[in-house]
Amino acid sequence: MSQEIAVIGSPEFTTGFRLAGVRKFENVPDDEKDVDLDEAVSRTLEDDDIGIIVMHDDDLTHLSRNVRNDVETSVEPTLVTLGGGAGSGGLRDKIKRAIGIDLMDEDEQGDNE
C-alpha cells in the first residue's frame, strides 16, 4: 500500500502542495490555529493512509504540548517541517525513518557508474 503525503497549515501554505498533487490536507487559517490546529493534526495522525505530514515549522508553536509531542515522536506518519532556517526538521533523518532507507546515502543508491 502506498503512503500518502498530507499537508497541514494555512490555505496559503497548503495550496502549492495541492497544486503539486497532494490530495490530503487540512486548511487551518492563521487566526484559527490556536483553536483548530490540534484537532487537524490529531485527525491526520489517525489516518492510516498517511505516511508523511508536512507542516510549517512556525505552526508547531500553536500546538498543545501533548499533540506536539505526538506528532514529533510519530514514526508513521512522519512529520516533516518546512521553514525555520537551515536543517530544520531533520528532513533526511525523517525520510530515512519513514521509508527505511537513506536516499542520500551513496551505498544504498547502488552503483550507477
N, C-alpha and C. Protein backbone atom coordinates (compact mmCIF):
# COMPACT_ATOMS: atom_id res chain seq x y z
N MET A 1 0.84 -1.18 0.00
CA MET A 1 0.00 0.00 0.00
C MET A 1 0.89 1.25 0.00
N SER A 2 0.63 2.16 -0.90
CA SER A 2 1.43 3.38 -0.94
C SER A 2 0.94 4.36 0.11
N GLN A 3 1.88 5.02 0.70
CA GLN A 3 1.58 6.00 1.72
C GLN A 3 1.43 7.37 1.09
N GLU A 4 0.46 8.13 1.57
CA GLU A 4 0.22 9.46 1.04
C GLU A 4 0.90 10.52 1.88
N ILE A 5 1.07 11.68 1.27
CA ILE A 5 1.57 12.86 1.96
C ILE A 5 0.37 13.71 2.32
N ALA A 6 0.37 14.24 3.54
CA ALA A 6 -0.67 15.18 3.96
C ALA A 6 0.01 16.49 4.33
N VAL A 7 -0.65 17.58 4.04
CA VAL A 7 -0.11 18.89 4.40
C VAL A 7 -1.12 19.60 5.29
N ILE A 8 -0.61 20.22 6.36
CA ILE A 8 -1.47 20.91 7.33
C ILE A 8 -0.96 22.34 7.48
N GLY A 9 -1.87 23.29 7.39
CA GLY A 9 -1.46 24.68 7.61
C GLY A 9 -2.46 25.65 7.01
N SER A 10 -2.01 26.87 6.87
CA SER A 10 -2.87 27.91 6.31
C SER A 10 -3.18 27.57 4.85
N PRO A 11 -4.30 28.06 4.34
CA PRO A 11 -4.61 27.82 2.93
C PRO A 11 -3.48 28.26 1.99
N GLU A 12 -2.77 29.34 2.34
CA GLU A 12 -1.65 29.80 1.52
C GLU A 12 -0.53 28.76 1.50
N PHE A 13 -0.31 28.08 2.63
CA PHE A 13 0.74 27.06 2.73
C PHE A 13 0.35 25.79 1.98
N THR A 14 -0.89 25.37 2.10
CA THR A 14 -1.30 24.09 1.52
C THR A 14 -1.53 24.16 0.01
N THR A 15 -1.83 25.33 -0.51
CA THR A 15 -2.19 25.45 -1.93
C THR A 15 -1.12 24.92 -2.87
N GLY A 16 0.12 25.28 -2.64
CA GLY A 16 1.21 24.80 -3.50
C GLY A 16 1.31 23.29 -3.52
N PHE A 17 1.15 22.67 -2.37
CA PHE A 17 1.20 21.21 -2.28
C PHE A 17 0.03 20.59 -3.02
N ARG A 18 -1.13 21.20 -2.88
CA ARG A 18 -2.33 20.69 -3.56
C ARG A 18 -2.16 20.79 -5.07
N LEU A 19 -1.58 21.87 -5.55
CA LEU A 19 -1.33 22.02 -6.98
C LEU A 19 -0.33 20.98 -7.48
N ALA A 20 0.55 20.55 -6.59
CA ALA A 20 1.55 19.54 -6.94
C ALA A 20 0.99 18.12 -6.83
N GLY A 21 -0.27 17.99 -6.42
CA GLY A 21 -0.88 16.67 -6.41
C GLY A 21 -1.14 16.07 -5.05
N VAL A 22 -0.81 16.77 -3.97
CA VAL A 22 -1.11 16.26 -2.63
C VAL A 22 -2.62 16.34 -2.42
N ARG A 23 -3.23 15.17 -2.15
CA ARG A 23 -4.69 15.12 -2.04
C ARG A 23 -5.20 15.27 -0.62
N LYS A 24 -4.37 14.95 0.36
CA LYS A 24 -4.81 15.03 1.76
C LYS A 24 -4.27 16.30 2.38
N PHE A 25 -5.17 17.10 2.93
CA PHE A 25 -4.73 18.37 3.50
C PHE A 25 -5.74 18.82 4.56
N GLU A 26 -5.27 19.66 5.44
CA GLU A 26 -6.11 20.32 6.45
C GLU A 26 -5.78 21.80 6.38
N ASN A 27 -6.75 22.60 5.94
CA ASN A 27 -6.57 24.05 5.93
C ASN A 27 -6.96 24.62 7.29
N VAL A 28 -6.04 25.32 7.92
CA VAL A 28 -6.31 25.97 9.19
C VAL A 28 -5.85 27.42 9.06
N PRO A 29 -6.80 28.36 8.87
CA PRO A 29 -6.42 29.77 8.74
C PRO A 29 -5.60 30.25 9.95
N ASP A 30 -4.71 31.19 9.70
CA ASP A 30 -3.82 31.68 10.76
C ASP A 30 -4.56 32.11 12.02
N ASP A 31 -5.72 32.75 11.86
CA ASP A 31 -6.43 33.25 13.04
C ASP A 31 -7.19 32.17 13.79
N GLU A 32 -7.14 30.92 13.31
CA GLU A 32 -7.81 29.82 13.99
C GLU A 32 -6.83 28.74 14.49
N LYS A 33 -5.54 28.98 14.29
CA LYS A 33 -4.55 27.93 14.60
C LYS A 33 -4.52 27.55 16.07
N ASP A 34 -4.67 28.51 16.97
CA ASP A 34 -4.61 28.19 18.40
C ASP A 34 -5.77 27.30 18.82
N VAL A 35 -6.85 27.31 18.06
CA VAL A 35 -8.04 26.53 18.41
C VAL A 35 -8.12 25.23 17.60
N ASP A 36 -7.89 25.32 16.29
CA ASP A 36 -8.19 24.21 15.39
C ASP A 36 -7.01 23.35 14.96
N LEU A 37 -5.79 23.82 15.19
CA LEU A 37 -4.62 23.07 14.68
C LEU A 37 -4.45 21.73 15.37
N ASP A 38 -4.66 21.67 16.69
CA ASP A 38 -4.56 20.40 17.41
C ASP A 38 -5.47 19.34 16.80
N GLU A 39 -6.71 19.73 16.54
CA GLU A 39 -7.69 18.80 16.00
C GLU A 39 -7.28 18.32 14.60
N ALA A 40 -6.80 19.24 13.77
CA ALA A 40 -6.38 18.88 12.41
C ALA A 40 -5.20 17.90 12.45
N VAL A 41 -4.23 18.15 13.32
CA VAL A 41 -3.07 17.27 13.43
C VAL A 41 -3.50 15.90 13.97
N SER A 42 -4.34 15.88 14.98
CA SER A 42 -4.81 14.60 15.55
C SER A 42 -5.54 13.77 14.50
N ARG A 43 -6.42 14.41 13.73
CA ARG A 43 -7.14 13.71 12.67
C ARG A 43 -6.18 13.10 11.66
N THR A 44 -5.16 13.86 11.31
CA THR A 44 -4.19 13.40 10.31
C THR A 44 -3.36 12.25 10.85
N LEU A 45 -2.96 12.33 12.12
CA LEU A 45 -2.18 11.25 12.73
C LEU A 45 -2.96 9.93 12.74
N GLU A 46 -4.27 10.00 12.83
CA GLU A 46 -5.10 8.80 12.91
C GLU A 46 -5.40 8.19 11.55
N ASP A 47 -5.05 8.88 10.47
CA ASP A 47 -5.34 8.40 9.11
C ASP A 47 -4.25 7.40 8.69
N ASP A 48 -4.63 6.13 8.57
CA ASP A 48 -3.67 5.07 8.25
C ASP A 48 -3.07 5.18 6.86
N ASP A 49 -3.68 5.98 5.98
CA ASP A 49 -3.18 6.12 4.62
C ASP A 49 -2.02 7.10 4.51
N ILE A 50 -1.78 7.86 5.57
CA ILE A 50 -0.78 8.93 5.52
C ILE A 50 0.56 8.46 6.07
N GLY A 51 1.63 8.69 5.29
CA GLY A 51 2.98 8.32 5.70
C GLY A 51 3.83 9.50 6.11
N ILE A 52 3.54 10.67 5.53
CA ILE A 52 4.32 11.87 5.83
C ILE A 52 3.36 13.05 6.03
N ILE A 53 3.58 13.79 7.11
CA ILE A 53 2.82 15.01 7.38
C ILE A 53 3.76 16.19 7.18
N VAL A 54 3.35 17.14 6.35
CA VAL A 54 4.16 18.34 6.11
C VAL A 54 3.48 19.52 6.79
N MET A 55 4.26 20.25 7.60
CA MET A 55 3.76 21.44 8.27
C MET A 55 4.83 22.53 8.22
N HIS A 56 4.41 23.76 8.42
CA HIS A 56 5.37 24.85 8.56
C HIS A 56 5.92 24.80 9.98
N ASP A 57 7.22 24.99 10.11
CA ASP A 57 7.88 24.92 11.41
C ASP A 57 7.22 25.84 12.44
N ASP A 58 6.82 27.03 12.02
CA ASP A 58 6.22 28.01 12.93
C ASP A 58 4.90 27.50 13.52
N ASP A 59 4.20 26.64 12.79
CA ASP A 59 2.90 26.17 13.26
C ASP A 59 3.00 25.24 14.48
N LEU A 60 4.17 24.65 14.69
CA LEU A 60 4.33 23.76 15.85
C LEU A 60 4.10 24.51 17.16
N THR A 61 4.38 25.81 17.18
CA THR A 61 4.20 26.58 18.41
C THR A 61 2.73 26.75 18.77
N HIS A 62 1.84 26.52 17.81
CA HIS A 62 0.40 26.66 18.06
C HIS A 62 -0.21 25.37 18.63
N LEU A 63 0.57 24.29 18.64
CA LEU A 63 0.05 23.01 19.13
C LEU A 63 0.14 22.91 20.64
N SER A 64 -0.81 22.16 21.22
CA SER A 64 -0.70 21.88 22.65
C SER A 64 0.50 20.97 22.87
N ARG A 65 0.98 20.90 24.09
CA ARG A 65 2.16 20.08 24.39
C ARG A 65 1.95 18.62 24.00
N ASN A 66 0.77 18.08 24.31
CA ASN A 66 0.51 16.66 24.02
C ASN A 66 0.48 16.36 22.53
N VAL A 67 -0.22 17.19 21.77
CA VAL A 67 -0.32 16.95 20.33
C VAL A 67 1.03 17.18 19.66
N ARG A 68 1.75 18.19 20.11
CA ARG A 68 3.08 18.44 19.55
C ARG A 68 3.99 17.25 19.82
N ASN A 69 3.94 16.71 21.02
CA ASN A 69 4.75 15.54 21.34
C ASN A 69 4.34 14.34 20.48
N ASP A 70 3.03 14.14 20.31
CA ASP A 70 2.55 13.03 19.48
C ASP A 70 3.07 13.11 18.07
N VAL A 71 2.99 14.29 17.47
CA VAL A 71 3.39 14.42 16.07
C VAL A 71 4.91 14.38 15.92
N GLU A 72 5.64 14.92 16.88
CA GLU A 72 7.10 14.94 16.77
C GLU A 72 7.72 13.57 17.03
N THR A 73 7.04 12.71 17.77
CA THR A 73 7.60 11.39 18.07
C THR A 73 7.00 10.29 17.19
N SER A 74 6.04 10.65 16.36
CA SER A 74 5.40 9.66 15.49
C SER A 74 6.39 9.16 14.44
N VAL A 75 6.46 7.83 14.28
CA VAL A 75 7.31 7.25 13.24
C VAL A 75 6.51 7.14 11.95
N GLU A 76 5.26 6.74 12.07
CA GLU A 76 4.38 6.67 10.90
C GLU A 76 3.01 7.17 11.28
N PRO A 77 2.57 8.27 10.79
CA PRO A 77 3.26 9.11 9.81
C PRO A 77 4.40 9.91 10.43
N THR A 78 5.33 10.29 9.59
CA THR A 78 6.49 11.08 9.99
C THR A 78 6.23 12.55 9.70
N LEU A 79 6.58 13.40 10.66
CA LEU A 79 6.44 14.85 10.48
C LEU A 79 7.65 15.41 9.76
N VAL A 80 7.39 16.22 8.75
CA VAL A 80 8.43 16.99 8.07
C VAL A 80 8.02 18.45 8.18
N THR A 81 8.92 19.27 8.72
CA THR A 81 8.60 20.70 8.84
C THR A 81 9.42 21.49 7.84
N LEU A 82 8.82 22.55 7.31
CA LEU A 82 9.49 23.43 6.36
C LEU A 82 9.56 24.82 6.95
N GLY A 83 10.54 25.59 6.53
CA GLY A 83 10.73 26.93 7.09
C GLY A 83 11.57 26.83 8.33
N GLY A 84 11.91 27.96 8.90
CA GLY A 84 12.66 27.94 10.16
C GLY A 84 14.15 27.83 10.00
N GLY A 85 14.68 27.99 8.79
CA GLY A 85 16.13 28.02 8.63
C GLY A 85 16.74 26.70 8.24
N ALA A 86 18.06 26.70 8.09
CA ALA A 86 18.79 25.54 7.57
C ALA A 86 18.68 24.34 8.50
N GLY A 87 18.43 23.20 7.91
CA GLY A 87 18.43 21.96 8.67
C GLY A 87 17.24 21.75 9.57
N SER A 88 16.25 22.61 9.53
CA SER A 88 15.12 22.44 10.43
C SER A 88 14.34 21.21 10.06
N GLY A 89 13.88 20.51 11.05
CA GLY A 89 13.06 19.34 10.80
C GLY A 89 13.83 18.07 10.56
N GLY A 90 15.15 18.13 10.35
CA GLY A 90 15.93 16.93 10.10
C GLY A 90 15.34 16.09 8.98
N LEU A 91 15.09 16.72 7.84
CA LEU A 91 14.37 16.08 6.74
C LEU A 91 15.00 14.75 6.34
N ARG A 92 16.30 14.71 6.19
CA ARG A 92 16.96 13.47 5.76
C ARG A 92 16.70 12.34 6.75
N ASP A 93 16.86 12.61 8.04
CA ASP A 93 16.63 11.58 9.05
C ASP A 93 15.18 11.15 9.09
N LYS A 94 14.27 12.09 8.92
CA LYS A 94 12.85 11.75 8.99
C LYS A 94 12.41 10.90 7.80
N ILE A 95 12.92 11.23 6.61
CA ILE A 95 12.58 10.41 5.44
C ILE A 95 13.18 9.02 5.61
N LYS A 96 14.40 8.94 6.11
CA LYS A 96 15.03 7.64 6.35
C LYS A 96 14.20 6.82 7.33
N ARG A 97 13.72 7.47 8.39
CA ARG A 97 12.91 6.78 9.38
C ARG A 97 11.57 6.32 8.78
N ALA A 98 11.00 7.15 7.90
CA ALA A 98 9.70 6.84 7.32
C ALA A 98 9.76 5.70 6.31
N ILE A 99 10.80 5.68 5.47
CA ILE A 99 10.82 4.68 4.40
C ILE A 99 11.87 3.60 4.60
N GLY A 100 12.72 3.77 5.60
CA GLY A 100 13.67 2.71 5.95
C GLY A 100 14.99 2.76 5.23
N ILE A 101 15.19 3.68 4.30
CA ILE A 101 16.50 3.81 3.65
C ILE A 101 16.89 5.28 3.58
N ASP A 102 18.18 5.51 3.48
CA ASP A 102 18.70 6.86 3.36
C ASP A 102 18.86 7.18 1.89
N LEU A 103 17.99 8.02 1.34
CA LEU A 103 18.02 8.33 -0.08
C LEU A 103 19.30 9.06 -0.49
N MET A 104 19.97 9.68 0.47
CA MET A 104 21.18 10.45 0.16
C MET A 104 22.45 9.61 0.28
N ASP A 105 22.34 8.38 0.77
CA ASP A 105 23.49 7.51 1.01
C ASP A 105 23.92 6.86 -0.30
N GLU A 106 25.15 7.10 -0.71
CA GLU A 106 25.65 6.54 -1.97
C GLU A 106 25.59 5.02 -1.99
N ASP A 107 25.86 4.37 -0.86
CA ASP A 107 25.88 2.91 -0.81
C ASP A 107 24.50 2.31 -1.07
N GLU A 108 23.46 2.99 -0.62
CA GLU A 108 22.12 2.46 -0.79
C GLU A 108 21.53 2.78 -2.15
N GLN A 109 22.19 3.65 -2.91
CA GLN A 109 21.71 4.02 -4.25
C GLN A 109 22.10 2.95 -5.27
N GLY A 110 23.10 2.14 -4.97
CA GLY A 110 23.59 1.18 -5.96
C GLY A 110 24.62 1.85 -6.84
N ASP A 111 25.34 1.05 -7.57
CA ASP A 111 26.40 1.61 -8.44
C ASP A 111 25.80 2.05 -9.75
N ASN A 112 25.85 3.34 -10.00
CA ASN A 112 25.31 3.88 -11.24
C ASN A 112 26.43 4.15 -12.26
N GLU A 113 27.63 3.80 -11.90
CA GLU A 113 28.76 4.11 -12.80
C GLU A 113 29.02 2.99 -13.76
